[in-house]
C-alpha atoms as a PDB file:
ATOM      1  CA  MET A   1     -11.756  28.463  15.522  1.00  0.00           C
ATOM      2  CA  LYS A   2      -8.175  27.671  16.502  1.00  0.00           C
ATOM      3  CA  SER A   3      -9.054  24.164  17.665  1.00  0.00           C
ATOM      4  CA  PHE A   4     -10.613  23.460  14.242  1.00  0.00           C
ATOM      5  CA  GLN A   5      -7.442  24.644  12.499  1.00  0.00           C
ATOM      6  CA  ILE A   6      -5.261  22.485  14.726  1.00  0.00           C
ATOM      7  CA  LEU A   7      -7.501  19.463  14.107  1.00  0.00           C
ATOM      8  CA  PHE A   8      -7.432  20.084  10.348  1.00  0.00           C
ATOM      9  CA  ILE A   9      -3.627  20.334  10.284  1.00  0.00           C
ATOM     10  CA  ALA A  10      -3.313  17.169  12.385  1.00  0.00           C
ATOM     11  CA  CYS A  11      -5.606  15.297   9.979  1.00  0.00           C
ATOM     12  CA  VAL A  12      -3.616  16.452   6.948  1.00  0.00           C
ATOM     13  CA  ILE A  13      -0.343  15.344   8.532  1.00  0.00           C
ATOM     14  CA  ALA A  14      -1.789  11.997   9.622  1.00  0.00           C
ATOM     15  CA  GLY A  15      -3.339  11.465   6.198  1.00  0.00           C
ATOM     16  CA  SER A  16      -0.121  12.121   4.335  1.00  0.00           C
ATOM     17  CA  ALA A  17       1.814   9.796   6.616  1.00  0.00           C
ATOM     18  CA  ALA A  18      -0.850   7.128   6.326  1.00  0.00           C
ATOM     19  CA  CYS A  19      -0.433   6.545   2.585  1.00  0.00           C
ATOM     20  CA  THR A  20       3.149   5.365   2.710  1.00  0.00           C
ATOM     21  CA  SER A  21       4.496   2.371   0.840  1.00  0.00           C
ATOM     22  CA  SER A  22       7.222   0.100   2.131  1.00  0.00           C
ATOM     23  CA  GLY A  23       8.710  -0.174  -1.328  1.00  0.00           C
ATOM     24  CA  VAL A  24       9.817  -3.541  -2.667  1.00  0.00           C
ATOM     25  CA  ILE A  25      11.252  -5.673   0.140  1.00  0.00           C
ATOM     26  CA  PRO A  26      13.210  -8.808  -0.839  1.00  0.00           C
ATOM     27  CA  MET A  27      12.100 -11.927   1.026  1.00  0.00           C
ATOM     28  CA  ASP A  28      13.307 -15.490   0.516  1.00  0.00           C
ATOM     29  CA  HIS A  29      13.345 -17.853  -2.477  1.00  0.00           C
ATOM     30  CA  GLY A  30      12.929 -15.046  -5.034  1.00  0.00           C
ATOM     31  CA  THR A  31       9.839 -13.514  -3.446  1.00  0.00           C
ATOM     32  CA  TYR A  32       9.218  -9.875  -2.613  1.00  0.00           C
ATOM     33  CA  MET A  33       6.739  -7.942  -0.491  1.00  0.00           C
ATOM     34  CA  ILE A  34       5.158  -4.488  -0.692  1.00  0.00           C
ATOM     35  CA  THR A  35       2.880  -3.054   1.992  1.00  0.00           C
ATOM     36  CA  LYS A  36       0.939   0.172   1.834  1.00  0.00           C
ATOM     37  CA  ARG A  37      -1.372   2.039   4.166  1.00  0.00           C
ATOM     38  CA  SER A  38      -4.403   3.762   2.786  1.00  0.00           C
ATOM     39  CA  ALA A  39      -5.128   7.436   3.328  1.00  0.00           C
ATOM     40  CA  GLN A  40      -8.831   6.621   3.055  1.00  0.00           C
ATOM     41  CA  VAL A  41     -10.932   8.135   5.817  1.00  0.00           C
ATOM     42  CA  GLY A  42     -13.798   6.162   7.303  1.00  0.00           C
ATOM     43  CA  ILE A  43     -14.789   2.555   6.901  1.00  0.00           C
ATOM     44  CA  GLY A  44     -14.040   0.707   3.672  1.00  0.00           C
ATOM     45  CA  MET A  45     -11.619  -1.328   1.612  1.00  0.00           C
ATOM     46  CA  PRO A  46      -8.384   0.392   0.487  1.00  0.00           C
ATOM     47  CA  VAL A  47      -8.799  -0.348  -3.240  1.00  0.00           C
ATOM     48  CA  GLY A  48      -6.570   2.584  -4.224  1.00  0.00           C
ATOM     49  CA  ALA A  49      -3.726   1.121  -2.174  1.00  0.00           C
ATOM     50  CA  LYS A  50      -4.286  -2.235  -3.902  1.00  0.00           C
ATOM     51  CA  ALA A  51      -3.852  -0.614  -7.300  1.00  0.00           C
ATOM     52  CA  ASP A  52      -0.728   1.194  -6.085  1.00  0.00           C
ATOM     53  CA  VAL A  53       1.080  -1.919  -4.805  1.00  0.00           C
ATOM     54  CA  TYR A  54       0.319  -3.846  -7.993  1.00  0.00           C
ATOM     55  CA  ALA A  55       1.574  -0.911 -10.090  1.00  0.00           C
ATOM     56  CA  GLU A  56       4.771  -0.797  -8.045  1.00  0.00           C
ATOM     57  CA  ALA A  57       5.263  -4.567  -8.343  1.00  0.00           C
ATOM     58  CA  ASN A  58       4.625  -4.438 -12.111  1.00  0.00           C
ATOM     59  CA  ASP A  59       7.201  -1.665 -12.532  1.00  0.00           C
ATOM     60  CA  PHE A  60       9.738  -3.658 -10.506  1.00  0.00           C
ATOM     61  CA  CYS A  61       9.259  -6.854 -12.536  1.00  0.00           C
ATOM     62  CA  ALA A  62       9.065  -5.035 -15.889  1.00  0.00           C
ATOM     63  CA  LYS A  63      12.581  -3.646 -15.302  1.00  0.00           C
ATOM     64  CA  GLN A  64      13.718  -7.281 -15.282  1.00  0.00           C
ATOM     65  CA  GLY A  65      11.700  -8.129 -18.399  1.00  0.00           C
ATOM     66  CA  GLN A  66       9.324 -10.220 -16.324  1.00  0.00           C
ATOM     67  CA  ALA A  67       5.740 -10.146 -15.041  1.00  0.00           C
ATOM     68  CA  VAL A  68       4.206 -10.200 -11.555  1.00  0.00           C
ATOM     69  CA  GLU A  69       3.089 -13.525 -10.129  1.00  0.00           C
ATOM     70  CA  THR A  70       1.071 -13.091  -6.930  1.00  0.00           C
ATOM     71  CA  VAL A  71       2.120 -15.339  -4.053  1.00  0.00           C
ATOM     72  CA  SER A  72      -0.359 -13.860  -1.568  1.00  0.00           C
ATOM     73  CA  PHE A  73      -2.428 -10.722  -1.136  1.00  0.00           C
ATOM     74  CA  GLU A  74      -4.038  -9.365   2.027  1.00  0.00           C
ATOM     75  CA  MET A  75      -6.315  -6.333   2.276  1.00  0.00           C
ATOM     76  CA  ASN A  76      -7.497  -4.943   5.611  1.00  0.00           C
ATOM     77  CA  PRO A  77     -10.287  -2.343   5.588  1.00  0.00           C
ATOM     78  CA  SER A  78      -9.921   1.079   7.118  1.00  0.00           C
ATOM     79  CA  GLN A  79     -11.908   1.697  10.261  1.00  0.00           C
ATOM     80  CA  ILE A  80     -12.654   4.721  12.364  1.00  0.00           C
ATOM     81  CA  ALA A  81      -9.275   6.164  13.438  1.00  0.00           C
ATOM     82  CA  SER A  82      -7.375   3.341  11.713  1.00  0.00           C
ATOM     83  CA  PRO A  83      -6.233   3.366   8.078  1.00  0.00           C
ATOM     84  CA  GLY A  84      -6.627   0.304   5.906  1.00  0.00           C
ATOM     85  CA  ASN A  85      -3.614  -1.481   4.490  1.00  0.00           C
ATOM     86  CA  VAL A  86      -2.626  -3.973   1.857  1.00  0.00           C
ATOM     87  CA  THR A  87       0.221  -6.470   1.676  1.00  0.00           C
ATOM     88  CA  LEU A  88       1.321  -8.060  -1.588  1.00  0.00           C
ATOM     89  CA  GLN A  89       3.805 -10.930  -1.713  1.00  0.00           C
ATOM     90  CA  PHE A  90       4.948 -11.679  -5.247  1.00  0.00           C
ATOM     91  CA  ARG A  91       7.676 -13.013  -7.466  1.00  0.00           C
ATOM     92  CA  CYS A  92       8.785 -11.979 -10.915  1.00  0.00           C
ATOM     93  CA  ALA A  93       8.119 -14.691 -13.490  1.00  0.00           C
ATOM     94  CA  PRO A  94       8.954 -14.979 -17.191  1.00  0.00           C
ATOM     95  CA  LYS A  95       6.291 -13.468 -19.451  1.00  0.00           C
END
């Protein structure tokens, strides 16, 4: 029973660390990037992480009275023992 408890605790810790966002990172020529790992277990696309990075980008641009303009978007699926991730490159454009 102890090995199950240790495994469960390790999974909880790994899962909470796996859903971290980079925050908004300034790049060049007025572009920004946000990356996020998914806490999703198993195989599949990290659609929740996609929604999260777009929400974060929208909040960032809205504070400037602007809207998100996607420069590029990449989504990598989670696999066994590997969380999925998304990367959004964007700029803030007039509404």
